């Protein structure tokens, strides 16, 4: 693998260590709307999909409460982690290190209203040249739309293969690889065997990893 010329991060479960928070919120919401969800079902079937796709997949695309559930999901998430506490200092340091060397993007299936308060509280929003949220593309992960959109926003003469993506789910890995990008999968959300399509699997995002890749 050549030295990356840009780096893109997934948000939930990758930059923001929040998948247990997300799971708890969806479990509560779906129970309230008559379609109970277990934690096992969340991680087996839904983790990594965009928020709208999670709601439509579980409640049904024609369910009358889809928009209401998405809005409530955003409200509860912001109440839980808008203080930036879900972004550990070692990840913040890794992002700062990478931003000094290459342009950074963030590509997420979450809404911009969820992403921006967390990045701001963590002190890192200015480090990203491009942020692509759920509402910015017609198709969420595992489709590659978000990563292809990020490539155009990063501008310059970058090719897809110049970009290294960090993801934590198989849907995210599929999206990055479908866009023609390199992809490292981060352990923590799913079992390693579900991340096998990634170019490499790593235990964590930290400065030593960035030194190896970009130093």
N, C-alpha and C. Protein backbone atom coordinates (compact mmCIF):
# COMPACT_ATOMS: atom_id res chain seq x y z
N UNK A 1 0.83 -1.19 0.00
CA UNK A 1 0.00 0.00 0.00
C UNK A 1 0.87 1.24 0.00
N UNK A 2 0.63 2.17 -0.94
CA UNK A 2 1.37 3.41 -0.97
C UNK A 2 0.94 4.34 0.14
N UNK A 3 1.74 5.37 0.37
CA UNK A 3 1.42 6.35 1.41
C UNK A 3 0.14 7.09 1.02
N UNK A 4 -0.86 7.10 1.90
CA UNK A 4 -2.11 7.80 1.57
C UNK A 4 -1.88 9.29 1.36
N UNK A 5 -2.65 9.86 0.46
CA UNK A 5 -2.61 11.31 0.22
C UNK A 5 -3.81 12.02 0.85
N UNK A 6 -4.73 11.26 1.40
CA UNK A 6 -5.86 11.78 2.16
C UNK A 6 -6.38 10.66 3.05
N UNK A 7 -7.03 11.04 4.15
CA UNK A 7 -7.59 10.06 5.08
C UNK A 7 -9.04 10.43 5.35
N UNK A 8 -9.91 9.43 5.35
CA UNK A 8 -11.32 9.64 5.65
C UNK A 8 -11.73 8.74 6.81
N UNK A 9 -12.52 9.29 7.69
CA UNK A 9 -12.98 8.57 8.87
C UNK A 9 -14.49 8.40 8.83
N UNK A 10 -14.94 7.22 9.22
CA UNK A 10 -16.33 7.04 9.62
C UNK A 10 -16.51 7.72 10.98
N UNK A 11 -17.74 7.99 11.35
CA UNK A 11 -17.99 8.69 12.61
C UNK A 11 -18.39 7.73 13.73
N UNK A 12 -19.62 7.21 13.69
CA UNK A 12 -20.11 6.36 14.77
C UNK A 12 -19.29 5.07 14.88
N UNK A 13 -18.73 4.83 16.05
CA UNK A 13 -17.99 3.60 16.28
C UNK A 13 -16.55 3.65 15.83
N UNK A 14 -16.17 4.71 15.10
CA UNK A 14 -14.81 4.84 14.60
C UNK A 14 -14.14 6.04 15.26
N UNK A 15 -14.55 7.24 14.90
CA UNK A 15 -14.07 8.42 15.62
C UNK A 15 -14.76 8.54 16.97
N UNK A 16 -16.06 8.39 16.97
CA UNK A 16 -16.87 8.51 18.18
C UNK A 16 -17.18 7.11 18.71
N UNK A 17 -16.70 6.81 19.88
CA UNK A 17 -16.88 5.47 20.45
C UNK A 17 -18.27 5.36 21.08
N UNK A 18 -19.24 5.26 20.21
CA UNK A 18 -20.62 5.44 20.65
C UNK A 18 -21.58 4.34 20.22
N UNK A 19 -21.09 3.26 19.66
CA UNK A 19 -22.03 2.23 19.19
C UNK A 19 -22.91 1.68 20.31
N UNK A 20 -22.40 1.47 21.54
CA UNK A 20 -23.31 1.04 22.61
C UNK A 20 -24.40 2.06 22.89
N UNK A 21 -24.06 3.35 22.80
CA UNK A 21 -25.06 4.41 23.00
C UNK A 21 -26.12 4.34 21.91
N UNK A 22 -25.68 4.22 20.67
CA UNK A 22 -26.61 4.10 19.55
C UNK A 22 -27.53 2.91 19.72
N UNK A 23 -26.94 1.79 20.07
CA UNK A 23 -27.72 0.56 20.25
C UNK A 23 -28.80 0.77 21.31
N UNK A 24 -28.44 1.36 22.43
CA UNK A 24 -29.41 1.57 23.51
C UNK A 24 -30.54 2.48 23.06
N UNK A 25 -30.19 3.54 22.31
CA UNK A 25 -31.22 4.47 21.84
C UNK A 25 -32.19 3.77 20.89
N UNK A 26 -31.65 3.01 19.95
CA UNK A 26 -32.53 2.32 19.00
C UNK A 26 -33.38 1.26 19.68
N UNK A 27 -32.81 0.54 20.63
CA UNK A 27 -33.58 -0.46 21.37
C UNK A 27 -34.78 0.22 22.05
N UNK A 28 -34.54 1.35 22.71
CA UNK A 28 -35.62 2.06 23.40
C UNK A 28 -36.66 2.59 22.42
N UNK A 29 -36.19 3.21 21.34
CA UNK A 29 -37.10 3.82 20.38
C UNK A 29 -37.98 2.78 19.69
N UNK A 30 -37.36 1.71 19.24
CA UNK A 30 -38.13 0.71 18.50
C UNK A 30 -39.12 -0.01 19.41
N UNK A 31 -38.78 -0.21 20.68
CA UNK A 31 -39.74 -0.78 21.62
C UNK A 31 -40.94 0.15 21.78
N UNK A 32 -40.67 1.45 21.85
CA UNK A 32 -41.76 2.43 21.99
C UNK A 32 -42.67 2.45 20.76
N UNK A 33 -42.13 2.06 19.62
CA UNK A 33 -42.92 2.07 18.39
C UNK A 33 -43.37 0.67 17.97
N UNK A 34 -43.38 -0.26 18.95
CA UNK A 34 -44.00 -1.55 18.74
C UNK A 34 -43.20 -2.57 17.95
N UNK A 35 -41.90 -2.34 17.78
CA UNK A 35 -41.06 -3.29 17.03
C UNK A 35 -39.78 -3.51 17.83
N UNK A 36 -39.84 -4.33 18.91
CA UNK A 36 -38.69 -4.50 19.79
C UNK A 36 -37.44 -4.97 19.04
N UNK A 37 -36.31 -4.51 19.51
CA UNK A 37 -35.00 -4.83 18.94
C UNK A 37 -34.07 -5.24 20.06
N UNK A 38 -33.33 -6.33 19.87
CA UNK A 38 -32.32 -6.72 20.85
C UNK A 38 -30.97 -6.16 20.43
N UNK A 39 -30.06 -6.10 21.40
CA UNK A 39 -28.70 -5.64 21.09
C UNK A 39 -28.06 -6.55 20.05
N UNK A 40 -28.29 -7.85 20.17
CA UNK A 40 -27.71 -8.79 19.21
C UNK A 40 -28.23 -8.50 17.80
N UNK A 41 -29.51 -8.25 17.68
CA UNK A 41 -30.09 -7.94 16.37
C UNK A 41 -29.52 -6.64 15.81
N UNK A 42 -29.30 -5.66 16.69
CA UNK A 42 -28.73 -4.39 16.22
C UNK A 42 -27.36 -4.62 15.59
N UNK A 43 -26.49 -5.33 16.31
CA UNK A 43 -25.13 -5.52 15.79
C UNK A 43 -25.09 -6.51 14.63
N UNK A 44 -26.00 -7.47 14.62
CA UNK A 44 -26.02 -8.44 13.52
C UNK A 44 -26.58 -7.87 12.23
N UNK A 45 -27.58 -6.99 12.34
CA UNK A 45 -28.34 -6.61 11.15
C UNK A 45 -28.29 -5.13 10.79
N UNK A 46 -28.01 -4.26 11.75
CA UNK A 46 -28.21 -2.83 11.50
C UNK A 46 -26.96 -1.97 11.64
N UNK A 47 -26.03 -2.35 12.48
CA UNK A 47 -24.85 -1.51 12.73
C UNK A 47 -24.12 -1.21 11.43
N UNK A 48 -23.82 0.05 11.22
CA UNK A 48 -23.10 0.47 10.03
C UNK A 48 -23.97 1.06 8.94
N UNK A 49 -25.27 0.77 8.98
CA UNK A 49 -26.18 1.39 8.02
C UNK A 49 -26.42 2.85 8.42
N UNK A 50 -26.86 3.66 7.47
CA UNK A 50 -27.20 5.04 7.82
C UNK A 50 -28.39 5.04 8.77
N UNK A 51 -28.51 6.12 9.54
CA UNK A 51 -29.63 6.20 10.49
C UNK A 51 -30.99 6.05 9.81
N UNK A 52 -31.24 6.78 8.70
CA UNK A 52 -32.53 6.58 8.03
C UNK A 52 -32.74 5.14 7.58
N UNK A 53 -31.67 4.50 7.10
CA UNK A 53 -31.81 3.12 6.62
C UNK A 53 -32.07 2.17 7.78
N UNK A 54 -31.46 2.42 8.94
CA UNK A 54 -31.74 1.59 10.12
C UNK A 54 -33.21 1.67 10.49
N UNK A 55 -33.75 2.87 10.53
CA UNK A 55 -35.15 3.04 10.92
C UNK A 55 -36.07 2.40 9.90
N UNK A 56 -35.81 2.64 8.62
CA UNK A 56 -36.68 2.08 7.58
C UNK A 56 -36.58 0.57 7.51
N UNK A 57 -35.36 0.04 7.74
CA UNK A 57 -35.19 -1.41 7.71
C UNK A 57 -35.97 -2.07 8.82
N UNK A 58 -35.95 -1.49 10.03
CA UNK A 58 -36.55 -2.15 11.18
C UNK A 58 -38.04 -1.88 11.30
N UNK A 59 -38.46 -0.64 11.04
CA UNK A 59 -39.88 -0.31 11.19
C UNK A 59 -40.68 -0.50 9.91
N UNK A 60 -39.99 -0.58 8.77
CA UNK A 60 -40.67 -0.68 7.48
C UNK A 60 -40.66 0.65 6.76
N UNK A 61 -40.41 0.62 5.48
CA UNK A 61 -40.23 1.86 4.72
C UNK A 61 -41.49 2.72 4.71
N UNK A 62 -42.64 2.11 4.88
CA UNK A 62 -43.89 2.87 4.85
C UNK A 62 -44.46 3.14 6.24
N UNK A 63 -43.66 2.86 7.27
CA UNK A 63 -44.14 3.09 8.64
C UNK A 63 -44.42 4.58 8.83
N UNK A 64 -45.55 4.94 9.44
CA UNK A 64 -45.92 6.36 9.55
C UNK A 64 -45.01 7.18 10.46
N UNK A 65 -44.23 6.52 11.31
CA UNK A 65 -43.43 7.24 12.30
C UNK A 65 -41.95 7.35 11.94
N UNK A 66 -41.56 7.01 10.70
CA UNK A 66 -40.14 6.97 10.35
C UNK A 66 -39.46 8.31 10.62
N UNK A 67 -40.02 9.39 10.10
CA UNK A 67 -39.39 10.71 10.28
C UNK A 67 -39.34 11.11 11.75
N UNK A 68 -40.41 10.81 12.46
CA UNK A 68 -40.46 11.14 13.89
C UNK A 68 -39.38 10.39 14.66
N UNK A 69 -39.18 9.11 14.33
CA UNK A 69 -38.17 8.30 15.02
C UNK A 69 -36.77 8.83 14.73
N UNK A 70 -36.51 9.19 13.49
CA UNK A 70 -35.20 9.73 13.14
C UNK A 70 -34.91 11.01 13.92
N UNK A 71 -35.89 11.89 14.01
CA UNK A 71 -35.70 13.15 14.75
C UNK A 71 -35.48 12.89 16.25
N UNK A 72 -36.21 11.95 16.79
CA UNK A 72 -36.05 11.64 18.21
C UNK A 72 -34.71 10.97 18.46
N UNK A 73 -34.27 10.13 17.54
CA UNK A 73 -32.95 9.49 17.63
C UNK A 73 -31.85 10.56 17.71
N UNK A 74 -31.94 11.58 16.88
CA UNK A 74 -30.95 12.66 16.88
C UNK A 74 -30.98 13.39 18.22
N UNK A 75 -32.18 13.68 18.73
CA UNK A 75 -32.30 14.42 19.99
C UNK A 75 -31.67 13.64 21.14
N UNK A 76 -31.98 12.35 21.22
CA UNK A 76 -31.44 11.54 22.32
C UNK A 76 -29.94 11.36 22.20
N UNK A 77 -29.45 11.22 20.99
CA UNK A 77 -28.01 11.07 20.80
C UNK A 77 -27.27 12.33 21.25
N UNK A 78 -27.79 13.48 20.83
CA UNK A 78 -27.14 14.74 21.21
C UNK A 78 -27.15 14.92 22.73
N UNK A 79 -28.22 14.53 23.37
CA UNK A 79 -28.30 14.64 24.82
C UNK A 79 -27.26 13.75 25.50
N UNK A 80 -26.93 12.64 24.86
CA UNK A 80 -26.02 11.67 25.47
C UNK A 80 -24.55 12.02 25.28
N UNK A 81 -24.17 12.50 24.08
CA UNK A 81 -22.73 12.60 23.79
C UNK A 81 -22.30 13.94 23.19
N UNK A 82 -23.16 14.94 23.18
CA UNK A 82 -22.79 16.22 22.57
C UNK A 82 -21.67 16.93 23.32
N UNK A 83 -21.26 16.40 24.47
CA UNK A 83 -20.14 17.00 25.21
C UNK A 83 -18.79 16.55 24.69
N UNK A 84 -18.78 15.69 23.65
CA UNK A 84 -17.52 15.23 23.07
C UNK A 84 -16.87 14.07 23.78
N UNK A 85 -17.49 13.58 24.84
CA UNK A 85 -16.88 12.53 25.66
C UNK A 85 -16.70 11.21 24.94
N UNK A 86 -17.41 11.02 23.82
CA UNK A 86 -17.29 9.75 23.09
C UNK A 86 -16.07 9.70 22.17
N UNK A 87 -15.34 10.81 22.05
CA UNK A 87 -14.12 10.85 21.23
C UNK A 87 -12.92 10.85 22.16
N UNK A 88 -12.25 9.72 22.35
CA UNK A 88 -11.13 9.64 23.30
C UNK A 88 -9.95 10.52 22.86
N UNK A 89 -9.12 10.87 23.82
CA UNK A 89 -7.99 11.75 23.54
C UNK A 89 -7.00 11.12 22.56
N UNK A 90 -6.81 9.80 22.61
CA UNK A 90 -5.85 9.19 21.68
C UNK A 90 -6.33 9.31 20.24
N UNK A 91 -7.65 9.27 20.03
CA UNK A 91 -8.19 9.46 18.69
C UNK A 91 -8.07 10.93 18.28
N UNK A 92 -8.35 11.84 19.19
CA UNK A 92 -8.18 13.26 18.88
C UNK A 92 -6.75 13.56 18.46
N UNK A 93 -5.79 12.99 19.18
CA UNK A 93 -4.38 13.22 18.87
C UNK A 93 -4.02 12.63 17.50
N UNK A 94 -4.58 11.47 17.19
CA UNK A 94 -4.32 10.84 15.89
C UNK A 94 -4.88 11.69 14.76
N UNK A 95 -6.07 12.26 14.97
CA UNK A 95 -6.67 13.12 13.96
C UNK A 95 -5.82 14.38 13.76
N UNK A 96 -5.36 14.96 14.86
CA UNK A 96 -4.50 16.15 14.74
C UNK A 96 -3.21 15.83 13.99
N UNK A 97 -2.60 14.70 14.30
CA UNK A 97 -1.37 14.29 13.63
C UNK A 97 -1.61 14.12 12.13
N UNK A 98 -2.70 13.43 11.77
CA UNK A 98 -2.99 13.18 10.36
C UNK A 98 -3.28 14.48 9.63
N UNK A 99 -4.02 15.40 10.28
CA UNK A 99 -4.42 16.64 9.62
C UNK A 99 -3.23 17.53 9.29
N UNK A 100 -2.13 17.35 10.00
CA UNK A 100 -0.92 18.13 9.72
C UNK A 100 -0.21 17.63 8.47
N UNK A 101 -0.62 16.47 7.96
CA UNK A 101 0.10 15.84 6.86
C UNK A 101 -0.71 15.63 5.59
N UNK A 102 -2.02 15.38 5.74
CA UNK A 102 -2.88 15.14 4.57
C UNK A 102 -4.26 15.75 4.84
N UNK A 103 -5.05 16.02 3.80
CA UNK A 103 -6.43 16.45 4.03
C UNK A 103 -7.29 15.32 4.61
N UNK A 104 -8.23 15.70 5.45
CA UNK A 104 -9.10 14.72 6.11
C UNK A 104 -10.55 14.93 5.70
N UNK A 105 -11.27 13.81 5.62
CA UNK A 105 -12.71 13.83 5.40
C UNK A 105 -13.38 12.98 6.47
N UNK A 106 -14.66 13.23 6.66
CA UNK A 106 -15.49 12.41 7.54
C UNK A 106 -16.73 12.03 6.75
N UNK A 107 -17.02 10.74 6.70
CA UNK A 107 -18.17 10.23 5.94
C UNK A 107 -19.01 9.38 6.88
N UNK A 108 -20.27 9.78 7.08
CA UNK A 108 -21.08 9.14 8.10
C UNK A 108 -22.51 8.92 7.63
N UNK A 109 -23.13 7.91 8.21
CA UNK A 109 -24.55 7.69 8.02
C UNK A 109 -25.39 8.43 9.04
N UNK A 110 -24.73 9.20 9.90
CA UNK A 110 -25.44 10.01 10.90
C UNK A 110 -25.78 11.37 10.31
N UNK A 111 -26.70 12.04 10.95
CA UNK A 111 -27.09 13.38 10.52
C UNK A 111 -26.03 14.40 10.92
N UNK A 112 -25.91 15.46 10.14
CA UNK A 112 -24.94 16.52 10.45
C UNK A 112 -25.22 17.13 11.83
N UNK A 113 -26.49 17.17 12.21
CA UNK A 113 -26.85 17.73 13.51
C UNK A 113 -26.33 16.91 14.67
N UNK A 114 -26.00 15.65 14.42
CA UNK A 114 -25.39 14.80 15.45
C UNK A 114 -23.88 14.93 15.43
N UNK A 115 -23.31 15.00 14.24
CA UNK A 115 -21.86 14.97 14.08
C UNK A 115 -21.20 16.24 14.59
N UNK A 116 -21.71 17.39 14.16
CA UNK A 116 -21.01 18.64 14.39
C UNK A 116 -20.87 19.01 15.87
N UNK A 117 -21.90 18.81 16.72
CA UNK A 117 -21.71 19.14 18.14
C UNK A 117 -20.62 18.29 18.80
N UNK A 118 -20.53 17.03 18.42
CA UNK A 118 -19.52 16.15 19.01
C UNK A 118 -18.12 16.58 18.57
N UNK A 119 -17.95 16.86 17.28
CA UNK A 119 -16.64 17.30 16.79
C UNK A 119 -16.24 18.62 17.45
N UNK A 120 -17.20 19.53 17.59
CA UNK A 120 -16.90 20.83 18.19
C UNK A 120 -16.48 20.66 19.65
N UNK A 121 -17.21 19.85 20.39
CA UNK A 121 -16.87 19.65 21.80
C UNK A 121 -15.52 18.95 21.96
N UNK A 122 -15.17 18.12 20.98
CA UNK A 122 -13.88 17.43 21.01
C UNK A 122 -12.74 18.31 20.50
N UNK A 123 -13.07 19.49 19.97
CA UNK A 123 -12.05 20.42 19.53
C UNK A 123 -11.39 20.10 18.22
N UNK A 124 -12.10 19.36 17.34
CA UNK A 124 -11.46 18.93 16.10
C UNK A 124 -12.23 19.24 14.81
N UNK A 125 -13.32 20.02 14.82
CA UNK A 125 -14.07 20.17 13.57
C UNK A 125 -13.28 20.85 12.46
N UNK A 126 -12.40 21.77 12.82
CA UNK A 126 -11.63 22.52 11.84
C UNK A 126 -10.60 21.67 11.11
N UNK A 127 -10.36 20.47 11.59
CA UNK A 127 -9.35 19.61 10.98
C UNK A 127 -9.86 18.87 9.75
N UNK A 128 -11.17 18.91 9.51
CA UNK A 128 -11.76 18.17 8.40
C UNK A 128 -12.04 19.10 7.22
N UNK A 129 -11.48 18.73 6.07
CA UNK A 129 -11.71 19.50 4.84
C UNK A 129 -13.08 19.21 4.25
N UNK A 130 -13.64 18.05 4.57
CA UNK A 130 -14.94 17.66 4.02
C UNK A 130 -15.68 16.81 5.04
N UNK A 131 -16.97 17.09 5.21
CA UNK A 131 -17.85 16.26 6.04
C UNK A 131 -19.06 15.89 5.20
N UNK A 132 -19.30 14.59 5.07
CA UNK A 132 -20.46 14.10 4.33
C UNK A 132 -21.35 13.37 5.32
N UNK A 133 -22.56 13.89 5.52
CA UNK A 133 -23.52 13.32 6.46
C UNK A 133 -24.62 12.57 5.71
N UNK A 134 -25.52 11.96 6.47
CA UNK A 134 -26.56 11.11 5.87
C UNK A 134 -27.39 11.87 4.85
N UNK A 135 -27.69 13.14 5.14
CA UNK A 135 -28.58 13.90 4.26
C UNK A 135 -27.89 14.40 3.00
N UNK A 136 -26.57 14.19 2.88
CA UNK A 136 -25.83 14.74 1.75
C UNK A 136 -25.77 13.81 0.54
N UNK A 137 -26.21 12.58 0.69
CA UNK A 137 -26.15 11.62 -0.42
C UNK A 137 -27.46 10.84 -0.51
N UNK A 138 -27.83 10.37 -1.71
CA UNK A 138 -29.10 9.65 -1.85
C UNK A 138 -29.07 8.25 -1.24
N UNK A 139 -27.90 7.63 -1.22
CA UNK A 139 -27.80 6.25 -0.73
C UNK A 139 -26.71 6.15 0.33
N UNK A 140 -27.08 5.63 1.50
CA UNK A 140 -26.10 5.46 2.57
C UNK A 140 -25.29 4.18 2.41
N UNK A 141 -24.38 3.96 3.34
CA UNK A 141 -23.58 2.74 3.36
C UNK A 141 -24.52 1.54 3.45
N UNK A 142 -24.22 0.45 2.76
CA UNK A 142 -22.97 0.05 2.12
C UNK A 142 -22.74 0.58 0.71
N UNK A 143 -23.60 1.45 0.21
CA UNK A 143 -23.34 2.06 -1.10
C UNK A 143 -22.19 3.06 -0.97
N UNK A 144 -21.43 3.28 -2.04
CA UNK A 144 -20.22 4.11 -1.96
C UNK A 144 -20.47 5.60 -2.09
N UNK A 145 -21.71 6.03 -2.20
CA UNK A 145 -22.02 7.43 -2.51
C UNK A 145 -21.30 8.44 -1.61
N UNK A 146 -21.29 8.17 -0.31
CA UNK A 146 -20.69 9.11 0.63
C UNK A 146 -19.21 9.31 0.39
N UNK A 147 -18.50 8.21 0.14
CA UNK A 147 -17.06 8.32 -0.08
C UNK A 147 -16.75 8.96 -1.43
N UNK A 148 -17.55 8.70 -2.41
CA UNK A 148 -17.36 9.36 -3.70
C UNK A 148 -17.63 10.86 -3.59
N UNK A 149 -18.63 11.22 -2.79
CA UNK A 149 -18.90 12.63 -2.55
C UNK A 149 -17.73 13.30 -1.82
N UNK A 150 -17.17 12.63 -0.86
CA UNK A 150 -16.03 13.18 -0.13
C UNK A 150 -14.85 13.41 -1.05
N UNK A 151 -14.64 12.52 -1.99
CA UNK A 151 -13.52 12.66 -2.93
C UNK A 151 -13.66 13.95 -3.73
N UNK A 152 -14.87 14.27 -4.17
CA UNK A 152 -15.07 15.51 -4.92
C UNK A 152 -14.89 16.73 -4.02
N UNK A 153 -15.28 16.64 -2.75
CA UNK A 153 -15.16 17.77 -1.84
C UNK A 153 -13.71 18.02 -1.42
N UNK A 154 -12.91 16.97 -1.37
CA UNK A 154 -11.51 17.13 -1.01
C UNK A 154 -10.74 17.88 -2.09
N UNK A 155 -11.28 17.82 -3.31
CA UNK A 155 -10.73 18.60 -4.43
C UNK A 155 -9.31 18.13 -4.74
N UNK A 156 -8.57 18.95 -5.45
CA UNK A 156 -7.22 18.56 -5.80
C UNK A 156 -7.21 17.48 -6.86
N UNK A 157 -6.10 16.80 -6.95
CA UNK A 157 -5.92 15.78 -7.99
C UNK A 157 -5.92 14.38 -7.40
N UNK A 158 -6.69 14.20 -6.34
CA UNK A 158 -6.74 12.90 -5.67
C UNK A 158 -7.51 11.88 -6.50
N UNK A 159 -7.00 10.67 -6.55
CA UNK A 159 -7.73 9.53 -7.06
C UNK A 159 -8.29 8.75 -5.88
N UNK A 160 -9.30 7.93 -6.15
CA UNK A 160 -9.90 7.16 -5.05
C UNK A 160 -8.86 6.32 -4.32
N UNK A 161 -7.94 5.75 -5.05
CA UNK A 161 -6.93 4.90 -4.44
C UNK A 161 -5.93 5.63 -3.57
N UNK A 162 -5.94 6.97 -3.63
CA UNK A 162 -5.07 7.77 -2.77
C UNK A 162 -5.63 7.95 -1.37
N UNK A 163 -6.89 7.59 -1.18
CA UNK A 163 -7.59 7.84 0.09
C UNK A 163 -7.61 6.58 0.94
N UNK A 164 -7.22 6.72 2.20
CA UNK A 164 -7.33 5.63 3.18
C UNK A 164 -8.52 5.92 4.09
N UNK A 165 -9.42 4.95 4.20
CA UNK A 165 -10.64 5.08 5.00
C UNK A 165 -10.52 4.23 6.27
N UNK A 166 -11.00 4.77 7.38
CA UNK A 166 -11.14 4.00 8.62
C UNK A 166 -12.61 3.75 8.88
N UNK A 167 -12.97 2.49 9.06
CA UNK A 167 -14.35 2.06 9.28
C UNK A 167 -14.40 1.02 10.39
N UNK A 168 -15.61 0.78 10.92
CA UNK A 168 -15.75 -0.22 11.98
C UNK A 168 -16.82 -1.27 11.68
N UNK A 169 -17.49 -1.18 10.53
CA UNK A 169 -18.53 -2.16 10.20
C UNK A 169 -18.34 -2.69 8.79
N UNK A 170 -18.97 -3.82 8.50
CA UNK A 170 -18.84 -4.39 7.16
C UNK A 170 -19.54 -3.52 6.13
N UNK A 171 -20.63 -2.85 6.52
CA UNK A 171 -21.30 -1.94 5.59
C UNK A 171 -20.38 -0.79 5.22
N UNK A 172 -19.65 -0.28 6.20
CA UNK A 172 -18.72 0.81 5.94
C UNK A 172 -17.55 0.37 5.08
N UNK A 173 -17.01 -0.81 5.38
CA UNK A 173 -15.91 -1.34 4.57
C UNK A 173 -16.37 -1.52 3.13
N UNK A 174 -17.57 -2.07 2.95
CA UNK A 174 -18.09 -2.27 1.59
C UNK A 174 -18.24 -0.94 0.85
N UNK A 175 -18.67 0.10 1.56
CA UNK A 175 -18.82 1.42 0.94
C UNK A 175 -17.48 1.97 0.49
N UNK A 176 -16.48 1.87 1.37
CA UNK A 176 -15.15 2.39 1.03
C UNK A 176 -14.53 1.62 -0.13
N UNK A 177 -14.61 0.31 -0.07
CA UNK A 177 -14.03 -0.51 -1.15
C UNK A 177 -14.80 -0.32 -2.45
N UNK A 178 -16.12 -0.14 -2.35
CA UNK A 178 -16.93 0.11 -3.54
C UNK A 178 -16.57 1.43 -4.21
N UNK A 179 -16.03 2.38 -3.43
CA UNK A 179 -15.58 3.66 -3.97
C UNK A 179 -14.17 3.58 -4.54
N UNK A 180 -13.53 2.42 -4.38
CA UNK A 180 -12.17 2.25 -4.90
C UNK A 180 -11.09 2.71 -3.95
N UNK A 181 -11.42 2.87 -2.67
CA UNK A 181 -10.46 3.37 -1.70
C UNK A 181 -9.85 2.25 -0.88
N UNK A 182 -8.71 2.53 -0.26
CA UNK A 182 -8.13 1.62 0.71
C UNK A 182 -8.93 1.73 2.00
N UNK A 183 -9.01 0.64 2.74
CA UNK A 183 -9.83 0.68 3.96
C UNK A 183 -9.19 -0.14 5.08
N UNK A 184 -9.01 0.50 6.22
CA UNK A 184 -8.60 -0.18 7.44
C UNK A 184 -9.84 -0.30 8.33
N UNK A 185 -10.06 -1.48 8.86
CA UNK A 185 -11.18 -1.71 9.76
C UNK A 185 -10.68 -1.67 11.20
N UNK A 186 -11.44 -1.00 12.06
CA UNK A 186 -11.08 -0.85 13.46
C UNK A 186 -11.94 -1.79 14.30
N UNK A 187 -11.29 -2.58 15.13
CA UNK A 187 -12.03 -3.51 15.98
C UNK A 187 -12.79 -2.77 17.07
N UNK A 188 -13.86 -3.39 17.53
CA UNK A 188 -14.63 -2.83 18.63
C UNK A 188 -16.12 -2.97 18.46
N UNK A 189 -16.60 -2.85 17.21
CA UNK A 189 -18.04 -2.96 16.97
C UNK A 189 -18.42 -4.35 16.53
N UNK A 190 -17.68 -4.91 15.58
CA UNK A 190 -18.00 -6.22 15.01
C UNK A 190 -16.81 -7.17 15.15
N UNK A 191 -17.10 -8.46 15.02
CA UNK A 191 -16.05 -9.48 15.07
C UNK A 191 -15.14 -9.36 13.85
N UNK A 192 -13.86 -9.71 14.00
CA UNK A 192 -12.91 -9.56 12.89
C UNK A 192 -13.34 -10.23 11.60
N UNK A 193 -13.98 -11.39 11.70
CA UNK A 193 -14.35 -12.11 10.48
C UNK A 193 -15.36 -11.34 9.64
N UNK A 194 -16.11 -10.44 10.26
CA UNK A 194 -17.07 -9.64 9.51
C UNK A 194 -16.41 -8.44 8.83
N UNK A 195 -15.14 -8.23 9.12
CA UNK A 195 -14.39 -7.11 8.55
C UNK A 195 -13.33 -7.57 7.56
N UNK A 196 -13.46 -8.80 7.11
CA UNK A 196 -12.39 -9.43 6.33
C UNK A 196 -12.12 -8.77 4.98
N UNK A 197 -13.06 -7.99 4.47
CA UNK A 197 -12.85 -7.35 3.17
C UNK A 197 -11.95 -6.11 3.27
N UNK A 198 -11.64 -5.68 4.48
CA UNK A 198 -10.75 -4.52 4.65
C UNK A 198 -9.32 -4.89 4.26
N UNK A 199 -8.54 -3.89 3.93
CA UNK A 199 -7.14 -4.11 3.57
C UNK A 199 -6.31 -4.49 4.79
N UNK A 200 -6.71 -4.00 5.94
CA UNK A 200 -6.04 -4.34 7.19
C UNK A 200 -7.02 -4.13 8.33
N UNK A 201 -6.88 -4.91 9.38
CA UNK A 201 -7.69 -4.74 10.59
C UNK A 201 -6.77 -4.28 11.71
N UNK A 202 -7.17 -3.19 12.39
CA UNK A 202 -6.34 -2.64 13.46
C UNK A 202 -7.14 -2.59 14.75
N UNK A 203 -6.43 -2.59 15.87
CA UNK A 203 -7.10 -2.59 17.16
C UNK A 203 -7.61 -1.21 17.55
N UNK A 204 -6.90 -0.16 17.13
CA UNK A 204 -7.28 1.19 17.56
C UNK A 204 -6.70 2.22 16.60
N UNK A 205 -7.26 3.40 16.65
CA UNK A 205 -6.72 4.56 15.94
C UNK A 205 -5.94 5.38 16.96
N UNK A 206 -4.63 5.54 16.73
CA UNK A 206 -3.81 6.35 17.62
C UNK A 206 -2.64 6.93 16.84
N UNK A 207 -1.83 7.73 17.52
CA UNK A 207 -0.71 8.38 16.85
C UNK A 207 0.30 7.38 16.30
N UNK A 208 0.68 6.32 17.03
CA UNK A 208 1.62 5.36 16.44
C UNK A 208 1.13 4.77 15.11
N UNK A 209 -0.17 4.52 14.99
CA UNK A 209 -0.69 4.03 13.72
C UNK A 209 -0.52 5.08 12.64
N UNK A 210 -0.84 6.32 12.94
CA UNK A 210 -0.70 7.38 11.95
C UNK A 210 0.76 7.61 11.59
N UNK A 211 1.66 7.46 12.55
CA UNK A 211 3.09 7.57 12.25
C UNK A 211 3.52 6.50 11.25
N UNK A 212 3.00 5.30 11.43
CA UNK A 212 3.34 4.22 10.50
C UNK A 212 2.83 4.52 9.10
N UNK A 213 1.64 5.09 9.01
CA UNK A 213 1.01 5.30 7.72
C UNK A 213 1.44 6.59 7.03
N UNK A 214 1.67 7.63 7.82
CA UNK A 214 1.87 8.96 7.25
C UNK A 214 3.22 9.60 7.59
N UNK A 215 3.94 8.99 8.52
CA UNK A 215 5.17 9.62 8.99
C UNK A 215 6.29 9.60 7.95
